[in-house]
């Protein structure tokens, strides 16, 4: 059975969500602030963040 994708769920789960490159913590932030490196990870205080992947790679 195929699951139906709703745009509302993609917006809630993937919009403005970033992952820390060192510890893997997930946080929500504005894209412009992340690119300007004004946002830090709460756990390890690093500024290297990446956007969350929308699909799992197998």
N, C-alpha and C. Protein backbone atom coordinates (compact mmCIF):
# COMPACT_ATOMS: atom_id res chain seq x y z
N UNK A 1 0.84 -1.17 0.00
CA UNK A 1 0.00 0.00 0.00
C UNK A 1 0.89 1.25 0.00
N UNK A 2 0.59 2.17 -0.89
CA UNK A 2 1.41 3.37 -1.04
C UNK A 2 0.86 4.45 -0.12
N UNK A 3 1.78 5.08 0.61
CA UNK A 3 1.37 6.17 1.49
C UNK A 3 1.23 7.44 0.67
N UNK A 4 0.20 8.19 0.94
CA UNK A 4 -0.02 9.44 0.24
C UNK A 4 0.74 10.55 0.96
N UNK A 5 1.45 11.38 0.19
CA UNK A 5 2.22 12.48 0.77
C UNK A 5 1.38 13.75 0.75
N UNK A 6 1.36 14.42 1.86
CA UNK A 6 0.64 15.68 1.96
C UNK A 6 1.66 16.82 2.05
N UNK A 7 1.41 17.94 1.36
CA UNK A 7 2.35 19.06 1.44
C UNK A 7 2.44 19.66 2.84
N UNK A 8 1.38 19.53 3.62
CA UNK A 8 1.38 20.08 4.99
C UNK A 8 2.39 19.34 5.87
N UNK A 9 2.48 18.02 5.68
CA UNK A 9 3.42 17.26 6.50
C UNK A 9 4.86 17.54 6.08
N UNK A 10 5.11 17.67 4.78
CA UNK A 10 6.45 18.03 4.33
C UNK A 10 6.86 19.39 4.88
N UNK A 11 5.93 20.31 4.89
CA UNK A 11 6.21 21.66 5.42
C UNK A 11 6.55 21.58 6.91
N UNK A 12 5.80 20.78 7.66
CA UNK A 12 6.02 20.69 9.10
C UNK A 12 7.31 19.95 9.43
N UNK A 13 7.62 18.90 8.70
CA UNK A 13 8.75 18.04 9.05
C UNK A 13 10.08 18.57 8.50
N UNK A 14 10.08 19.14 7.29
CA UNK A 14 11.34 19.49 6.62
C UNK A 14 11.63 20.98 6.54
N UNK A 15 10.65 21.84 6.73
CA UNK A 15 10.87 23.27 6.55
C UNK A 15 11.64 23.86 7.73
N UNK A 16 12.76 24.52 7.46
CA UNK A 16 13.59 25.19 8.45
C UNK A 16 14.22 24.23 9.46
N UNK A 17 14.41 22.96 9.10
CA UNK A 17 15.03 21.99 10.00
C UNK A 17 16.45 21.71 9.54
N UNK A 18 17.39 21.81 10.47
CA UNK A 18 18.80 21.61 10.17
C UNK A 18 19.40 20.60 11.13
N UNK A 19 20.48 19.94 10.68
CA UNK A 19 21.16 18.93 11.46
C UNK A 19 22.60 19.38 11.69
N UNK A 20 23.09 19.19 12.91
CA UNK A 20 24.48 19.51 13.22
C UNK A 20 25.39 18.50 12.53
N UNK A 21 26.47 18.99 11.95
CA UNK A 21 27.39 18.12 11.22
C UNK A 21 28.23 17.25 12.17
N UNK A 22 28.41 17.68 13.41
CA UNK A 22 29.24 16.91 14.34
C UNK A 22 28.42 15.93 15.18
N UNK A 23 27.40 16.42 15.88
CA UNK A 23 26.71 15.55 16.83
C UNK A 23 25.37 15.03 16.32
N UNK A 24 24.84 15.59 15.24
CA UNK A 24 23.59 15.09 14.68
C UNK A 24 22.34 15.63 15.33
N UNK A 25 22.47 16.67 16.13
CA UNK A 25 21.30 17.25 16.78
C UNK A 25 20.43 17.95 15.75
N UNK A 26 19.12 17.89 15.97
CA UNK A 26 18.17 18.49 15.05
C UNK A 26 17.66 19.80 15.65
N UNK A 27 17.63 20.88 14.85
CA UNK A 27 17.11 22.14 15.34
C UNK A 27 16.43 22.90 14.22
N UNK A 28 15.48 23.77 14.60
CA UNK A 28 14.79 24.62 13.64
C UNK A 28 15.39 26.00 13.68
N UNK A 29 15.67 26.55 12.49
CA UNK A 29 16.25 27.88 12.41
C UNK A 29 15.94 28.47 11.04
N UNK A 30 16.17 29.75 10.89
CA UNK A 30 15.96 30.43 9.64
C UNK A 30 17.16 30.18 8.72
N UNK A 31 16.92 29.98 7.43
CA UNK A 31 17.97 29.67 6.48
C UNK A 31 19.00 30.78 6.37
N UNK A 32 18.57 32.03 6.38
CA UNK A 32 19.51 33.14 6.26
C UNK A 32 20.43 33.23 7.48
N UNK A 33 19.91 32.94 8.66
CA UNK A 33 20.75 32.95 9.86
C UNK A 33 21.73 31.79 9.86
N UNK A 34 21.34 30.64 9.34
CA UNK A 34 22.24 29.49 9.27
C UNK A 34 23.37 29.79 8.30
N UNK A 35 23.04 30.36 7.15
CA UNK A 35 24.08 30.70 6.16
C UNK A 35 25.03 31.77 6.68
N UNK A 36 24.55 32.69 7.48
CA UNK A 36 25.40 33.73 8.07
C UNK A 36 26.13 33.23 9.30
N UNK A 37 25.91 31.96 9.69
CA UNK A 37 26.52 31.32 10.85
C UNK A 37 26.22 32.06 12.15
N UNK A 38 24.97 32.50 12.29
CA UNK A 38 24.53 33.15 13.53
C UNK A 38 23.85 32.15 14.46
N UNK A 39 23.62 30.93 13.98
CA UNK A 39 22.94 29.89 14.76
C UNK A 39 23.94 28.83 15.15
N UNK A 40 23.91 28.41 16.43
CA UNK A 40 24.81 27.37 16.93
C UNK A 40 24.00 26.16 17.37
N UNK A 41 24.65 25.02 17.38
CA UNK A 41 24.06 23.80 17.90
C UNK A 41 23.90 23.93 19.41
N UNK A 42 22.82 23.41 19.94
CA UNK A 42 22.57 23.51 21.38
C UNK A 42 23.48 22.57 22.18
N UNK A 43 23.86 21.44 21.58
CA UNK A 43 24.66 20.46 22.30
C UNK A 43 26.16 20.78 22.26
N UNK A 44 26.71 20.94 21.04
CA UNK A 44 28.16 21.05 20.92
C UNK A 44 28.64 22.45 20.55
N UNK A 45 27.73 23.39 20.36
CA UNK A 45 28.05 24.80 20.08
C UNK A 45 28.77 25.02 18.75
N UNK A 46 28.64 24.09 17.82
CA UNK A 46 29.23 24.25 16.50
C UNK A 46 28.29 25.04 15.59
N UNK A 47 28.84 25.66 14.56
CA UNK A 47 28.04 26.45 13.63
C UNK A 47 27.86 25.77 12.27
N UNK A 48 28.43 24.57 12.10
CA UNK A 48 28.29 23.85 10.84
C UNK A 48 27.00 23.04 10.87
N UNK A 49 26.01 23.50 10.12
CA UNK A 49 24.71 22.85 10.04
C UNK A 49 24.39 22.52 8.59
N UNK A 50 23.60 21.47 8.40
CA UNK A 50 23.15 21.10 7.06
C UNK A 50 21.64 20.92 7.09
N UNK A 51 20.98 21.10 5.94
CA UNK A 51 19.53 20.83 5.91
C UNK A 51 19.25 19.35 6.06
N UNK A 52 18.08 19.02 6.56
CA UNK A 52 17.69 17.62 6.74
C UNK A 52 17.39 17.00 5.39
N UNK A 53 17.76 15.72 5.19
CA UNK A 53 17.49 15.02 3.94
C UNK A 53 16.02 14.63 3.90
N UNK A 54 15.40 14.79 2.74
CA UNK A 54 13.98 14.46 2.60
C UNK A 54 13.76 12.97 2.35
N UNK A 55 14.78 12.26 1.88
CA UNK A 55 14.64 10.84 1.61
C UNK A 55 15.78 10.07 2.27
N UNK A 56 15.50 8.88 2.73
CA UNK A 56 16.54 8.01 3.26
C UNK A 56 17.26 7.35 2.11
N UNK A 57 18.57 7.32 2.14
CA UNK A 57 19.34 6.62 1.11
C UNK A 57 19.64 5.22 1.61
N UNK A 58 19.37 4.24 0.78
CA UNK A 58 19.56 2.86 1.19
C UNK A 58 20.81 2.29 0.59
